[in-house]
């Protein structure tokens, strides 16, 4: 049975959302903000309802999610392979440390010109940006996870004669899995952000393009806010789905068991 504070969370969240929407509706109504820049919530909701029944909207949304899924998959596979190999070999970890610390903070938007020069205005250019950003989220977590293997446990595994494959599956993977799942959840959110950003900057068809078209269309503030709301809902959904996957995969881990106990 849920504790009272936990059971009240959805109610408090709904109250907070209702309060936010009320303030939003009142601001243009009371001329605090010009309606041209901040339309009524009801206008945004009406525009959103109009777009939901439009097949073209779903095609654009599908293109965004396709770029997101491809980019996230590519980044995840690359980060798992490279992170595991580098993390297990101390020499490689030391040799690549400076390079990793140099490349990781580079803003993904800064490589947009490079991506366009290499691939032009195409989905491949958007994938370069998406993969680059989400790769580091996963790669760093894998490195930390592999390096977090207990020294005593590692020596014990060697003393008992476990093969490298057995040490990888029975020792390294269980230790690194919490880091990997955290990295995957963060990478999924970052990949979505960059997939939409790439569409806005490069001009590939998708949700980002719809946002830019609404911004440049006079009198279409409701459309702009409606598409921004869609982007926000996508972000919430992606985070919730990967959070659920993380909890299912780590049901045995003390962090998840501790949350369920509260």
Protein backbone atom coordinates (compact mmCIF):
# COMPACT_ATOMS: atom_id res chain seq x y z
CA UNK A 1 0.00 0.00 0.00
CA UNK A 2 1.34 3.44 -0.93
CA UNK A 3 2.25 5.82 1.81
CA UNK A 4 0.22 9.01 2.09
CA UNK A 5 2.93 11.39 0.81
CA UNK A 6 3.49 9.20 -2.26
CA UNK A 7 -0.23 8.94 -2.98
CA UNK A 8 -0.54 12.73 -2.84
CA UNK A 9 2.13 13.36 -5.47
CA UNK A 10 -0.18 13.06 -8.52
CA UNK A 11 -2.74 15.32 -6.84
CA UNK A 12 -0.14 17.96 -6.01
CA UNK A 13 1.24 17.71 -9.54
CA UNK A 14 -2.22 18.23 -11.03
CA UNK A 15 -2.81 21.24 -8.77
CA UNK A 16 0.51 22.76 -9.81
CA UNK A 17 -0.26 22.22 -13.51
CA UNK A 18 -3.73 23.72 -13.13
CA UNK A 19 -2.25 26.75 -11.37
CA UNK A 20 0.32 27.22 -14.13
CA UNK A 21 -2.31 27.04 -16.87
CA UNK A 22 -4.53 29.49 -14.97
CA UNK A 23 -1.72 32.03 -14.65
CA UNK A 24 -0.91 31.56 -18.33
CA UNK A 25 -4.53 32.23 -19.29
CA UNK A 26 -4.75 35.32 -17.09
CA UNK A 27 -1.53 36.98 -18.28
CA UNK A 28 -2.75 37.87 -21.80
CA UNK A 29 -6.29 38.35 -20.53
CA UNK A 30 -5.09 41.04 -18.09
CA UNK A 31 -2.70 42.51 -20.69
CA UNK A 32 0.34 41.59 -18.62
CA UNK A 33 1.78 40.15 -21.83
CA UNK A 34 0.58 41.03 -25.32
CA UNK A 35 -1.57 38.28 -26.81
CA UNK A 36 0.58 38.45 -29.94
CA UNK A 37 3.48 37.00 -27.95
CA UNK A 38 1.60 34.87 -25.41
CA UNK A 39 -1.73 33.52 -26.70
CA UNK A 40 -4.47 32.18 -24.46
CA UNK A 41 -4.14 28.62 -23.24
CA UNK A 42 -7.49 27.89 -24.83
CA UNK A 43 -6.21 29.09 -28.20
CA UNK A 44 -3.14 26.89 -27.91
CA UNK A 45 -5.31 23.94 -26.89
CA UNK A 46 -7.64 24.50 -29.84
CA UNK A 47 -4.68 24.64 -32.24
CA UNK A 48 -3.23 21.50 -30.70
CA UNK A 49 -6.55 19.68 -31.15
CA UNK A 50 -6.60 20.82 -34.76
CA UNK A 51 -3.11 19.46 -35.41
CA UNK A 52 -3.80 16.12 -33.74
CA UNK A 53 -6.38 15.21 -36.40
CA UNK A 54 -4.07 16.28 -39.24
CA UNK A 55 -2.19 13.38 -40.84
CA UNK A 56 0.62 15.69 -42.00
CA UNK A 57 1.36 16.55 -38.36
CA UNK A 58 1.82 12.88 -37.48
CA UNK A 59 4.08 12.37 -40.48
CA UNK A 60 6.32 15.20 -39.30
CA UNK A 61 6.27 13.84 -35.77
CA UNK A 62 7.15 10.39 -37.09
CA UNK A 63 10.18 11.79 -38.91
CA UNK A 64 11.40 13.40 -35.70
CA UNK A 65 10.97 10.18 -33.72
CA UNK A 66 12.67 8.21 -36.49
CA UNK A 67 15.73 10.46 -36.34
CA UNK A 68 15.65 10.24 -32.55
CA UNK A 69 15.49 6.43 -32.50
CA UNK A 70 18.25 5.97 -35.09
CA UNK A 71 20.53 8.50 -33.40
CA UNK A 72 19.97 7.03 -29.94
CA UNK A 73 20.61 3.48 -31.16
CA UNK A 74 23.83 4.42 -32.91
CA UNK A 75 25.09 6.40 -29.92
CA UNK A 76 24.17 3.63 -27.47
CA UNK A 77 25.92 0.86 -29.40
CA UNK A 78 29.06 2.94 -29.96
CA UNK A 79 29.19 4.07 -26.32
CA UNK A 80 28.70 0.53 -24.98
CA UNK A 81 31.44 -0.95 -27.13
CA UNK A 82 33.99 1.84 -26.75
CA UNK A 83 33.18 2.50 -23.09
CA UNK A 84 33.55 -1.15 -22.14
CA UNK A 85 36.80 -1.67 -24.05
CA UNK A 86 38.41 1.55 -22.82
CA UNK A 87 37.10 1.09 -19.29
CA UNK A 88 38.53 -2.42 -18.98
CA UNK A 89 42.01 -1.45 -20.22
CA UNK A 90 43.74 0.99 -17.83
CA UNK A 91 46.24 2.05 -20.49
CA UNK A 92 43.46 3.04 -22.90
CA UNK A 93 41.60 4.85 -20.12
CA UNK A 94 44.65 6.97 -19.33
CA UNK A 95 45.52 7.52 -23.00
CA UNK A 96 42.03 8.77 -23.93
CA UNK A 97 41.29 10.81 -20.80
CA UNK A 98 42.50 14.14 -22.20
CA UNK A 99 40.71 13.63 -25.51
CA UNK A 100 37.45 12.73 -23.80
CA UNK A 101 37.61 15.73 -21.50
CA UNK A 102 38.30 17.98 -24.50
CA UNK A 103 35.51 16.70 -26.76
CA UNK A 104 32.78 16.09 -24.18
CA UNK A 105 32.07 19.77 -23.30
CA UNK A 106 31.89 20.90 -26.94
CA UNK A 107 28.30 22.11 -27.54
CA UNK A 108 26.50 19.97 -30.09
CA UNK A 109 25.12 23.03 -31.86
CA UNK A 110 28.71 24.09 -32.54
CA UNK A 111 29.21 21.11 -34.86
CA UNK A 112 26.15 21.95 -36.98
CA UNK A 113 28.27 23.70 -39.66
CA UNK A 114 30.62 20.70 -39.78
CA UNK A 115 27.70 18.29 -40.13
CA UNK A 116 26.17 20.37 -42.94
CA UNK A 117 29.52 20.59 -44.76
CA UNK A 118 29.97 16.82 -44.53
CA UNK A 119 26.41 15.66 -45.31
CA UNK A 120 24.55 18.75 -46.54
CA UNK A 121 20.88 19.38 -45.67
CA UNK A 122 19.96 15.79 -44.91
CA UNK A 123 18.92 13.46 -42.12
CA UNK A 124 22.51 12.23 -41.97
CA UNK A 125 23.65 15.70 -40.88
CA UNK A 126 21.00 15.71 -38.15
CA UNK A 127 22.13 12.25 -37.05
CA UNK A 128 25.73 13.44 -36.67
CA UNK A 129 24.56 16.10 -34.22
CA UNK A 130 22.18 13.77 -32.37
CA UNK A 131 24.68 10.94 -32.06
CA UNK A 132 27.47 13.25 -30.94
CA UNK A 133 25.42 14.73 -28.10
CA UNK A 134 23.85 11.52 -26.80
CA UNK A 135 27.04 9.46 -27.18
CA UNK A 136 28.84 11.30 -24.38
CA UNK A 137 25.96 10.85 -21.94
CA UNK A 138 26.20 7.09 -22.37
CA UNK A 139 29.95 6.77 -22.85
CA UNK A 140 30.91 8.52 -19.61
CA UNK A 141 28.43 6.45 -17.60
CA UNK A 142 29.78 3.22 -19.08
CA UNK A 143 33.33 4.27 -18.21
CA UNK A 144 32.35 5.00 -14.62
CA UNK A 145 30.39 1.77 -14.35
CA UNK A 146 33.18 -0.44 -15.63
CA UNK A 147 35.71 1.33 -13.39
CA UNK A 148 33.47 0.87 -10.33
CA UNK A 149 34.03 -2.89 -10.15
CA UNK A 150 35.20 -3.76 -6.64
CA UNK A 151 38.90 -4.65 -6.53
CA UNK A 152 38.36 -7.47 -4.04
CA UNK A 153 35.60 -8.96 -6.18
CA UNK A 154 37.82 -8.74 -9.25
CA UNK A 155 40.73 -10.45 -7.50
CA UNK A 156 38.40 -13.12 -6.12
CA UNK A 157 37.06 -13.83 -9.63
CA UNK A 158 40.60 -14.27 -10.89
CA UNK A 159 41.52 -16.50 -7.96
CA UNK A 160 38.57 -18.78 -8.72
CA UNK A 161 39.71 -19.03 -12.33
CA UNK A 162 36.77 -17.29 -14.00
CA UNK A 163 37.29 -16.75 -17.70
CA UNK A 164 37.24 -13.18 -19.13
CA UNK A 165 33.75 -13.82 -20.50
CA UNK A 166 32.51 -15.02 -17.11
CA UNK A 167 34.06 -12.01 -15.37
CA UNK A 168 32.39 -9.71 -17.89
CA UNK A 169 28.92 -11.23 -17.50
CA UNK A 170 28.99 -12.04 -13.78
CA UNK A 171 31.00 -9.12 -12.40
CA UNK A 172 31.42 -6.18 -14.79
CA UNK A 173 27.92 -6.06 -16.27
CA UNK A 174 25.99 -6.22 -12.95
CA UNK A 175 28.21 -3.46 -11.56
CA UNK A 176 27.96 -1.27 -14.65
CA UNK A 177 24.25 -1.83 -15.35
CA UNK A 178 22.95 0.96 -13.04
CA UNK A 179 25.33 3.41 -14.74
CA UNK A 180 24.33 2.14 -18.18
CA UNK A 181 20.60 2.55 -17.48
CA UNK A 182 21.14 6.07 -16.14
CA UNK A 183 23.21 6.93 -19.19
CA UNK A 184 20.55 5.49 -21.50
CA UNK A 185 17.81 7.58 -19.88
CA UNK A 186 19.90 10.75 -20.13
CA UNK A 187 20.97 9.96 -23.69
CA UNK A 188 17.34 9.40 -24.75
CA UNK A 189 16.33 12.87 -23.54
CA UNK A 190 19.38 14.54 -25.06
CA UNK A 191 18.86 12.74 -28.37
CA UNK A 192 15.29 14.04 -28.54
CA UNK A 193 16.41 17.59 -27.79
CA UNK A 194 19.08 17.48 -30.48
CA UNK A 195 16.82 15.78 -33.04
CA UNK A 196 14.37 18.68 -32.76
CA UNK A 197 17.16 21.28 -32.61
CA UNK A 198 18.79 19.85 -35.72
CA UNK A 199 15.49 20.14 -37.60
CA UNK A 200 15.16 23.75 -36.50
CA UNK A 201 18.69 24.67 -37.57
CA UNK A 202 19.23 22.49 -40.62
CA UNK A 203 15.67 22.53 -41.92
CA UNK A 204 14.94 18.80 -42.19
CA UNK A 205 11.21 18.03 -42.06
CA UNK A 206 9.93 17.26 -38.58
CA UNK A 207 8.63 18.85 -35.40
CA UNK A 208 11.50 21.34 -35.31
CA UNK A 209 10.60 22.59 -38.77
CA UNK A 210 6.98 23.07 -37.70
CA UNK A 211 8.16 25.19 -34.80
CA UNK A 212 10.28 27.37 -37.08
CA UNK A 213 7.49 27.72 -39.66
CA UNK A 214 5.04 28.85 -36.97
CA UNK A 215 7.59 31.31 -35.62
CA UNK A 216 8.06 32.90 -39.04
CA UNK A 217 4.32 32.99 -39.84
CA UNK A 218 2.70 36.27 -38.70
CA UNK A 219 -0.15 35.77 -36.25
CA UNK A 220 0.57 32.08 -35.62
CA UNK A 221 1.73 32.33 -32.01
CA UNK A 222 -0.82 29.68 -31.01
CA UNK A 223 0.75 27.25 -33.46
CA UNK A 224 4.23 28.01 -32.15
CA UNK A 225 3.22 27.33 -28.56
CA UNK A 226 1.23 24.24 -29.56
CA UNK A 227 4.28 22.64 -31.19
CA UNK A 228 6.46 23.61 -28.24
CA UNK A 229 3.93 21.89 -25.96
CA UNK A 230 4.15 18.79 -28.16
CA UNK A 231 7.95 18.83 -27.80
CA UNK A 232 7.57 19.09 -24.03
CA UNK A 233 5.09 16.21 -23.92
CA UNK A 234 7.47 14.10 -26.00
CA UNK A 235 10.27 14.83 -23.55
CA UNK A 236 8.11 13.85 -20.57
CA UNK A 237 7.00 10.65 -22.31
CA UNK A 238 10.51 9.61 -23.30
CA UNK A 239 11.83 10.23 -19.80
CA UNK A 240 8.93 8.34 -18.20
CA UNK A 241 9.32 5.35 -20.53
CA UNK A 242 13.05 5.04 -19.97
CA UNK A 243 12.59 5.59 -16.26
CA UNK A 244 10.17 2.65 -16.24
CA UNK A 245 12.65 0.53 -18.20
CA UNK A 246 15.37 1.50 -15.74
CA UNK A 247 13.24 0.49 -12.76
CA UNK A 248 12.34 -2.83 -14.36
CA UNK A 249 15.93 -3.64 -15.30
CA UNK A 250 17.22 -2.63 -11.84
CA UNK A 251 14.41 -4.07 -9.70
CA UNK A 252 17.07 -5.96 -7.77
CA UNK A 253 19.25 -2.88 -7.12
CA UNK A 254 19.19 -1.13 -3.76
CA UNK A 255 18.46 2.28 -5.31
CA UNK A 256 15.18 1.09 -6.85
CA UNK A 257 14.23 -1.02 -3.85
CA UNK A 258 14.84 2.01 -1.63
CA UNK A 259 12.52 4.17 -3.76
CA UNK A 260 9.77 1.55 -3.67
CA UNK A 261 10.09 1.29 0.11
CA UNK A 262 9.50 5.02 0.56
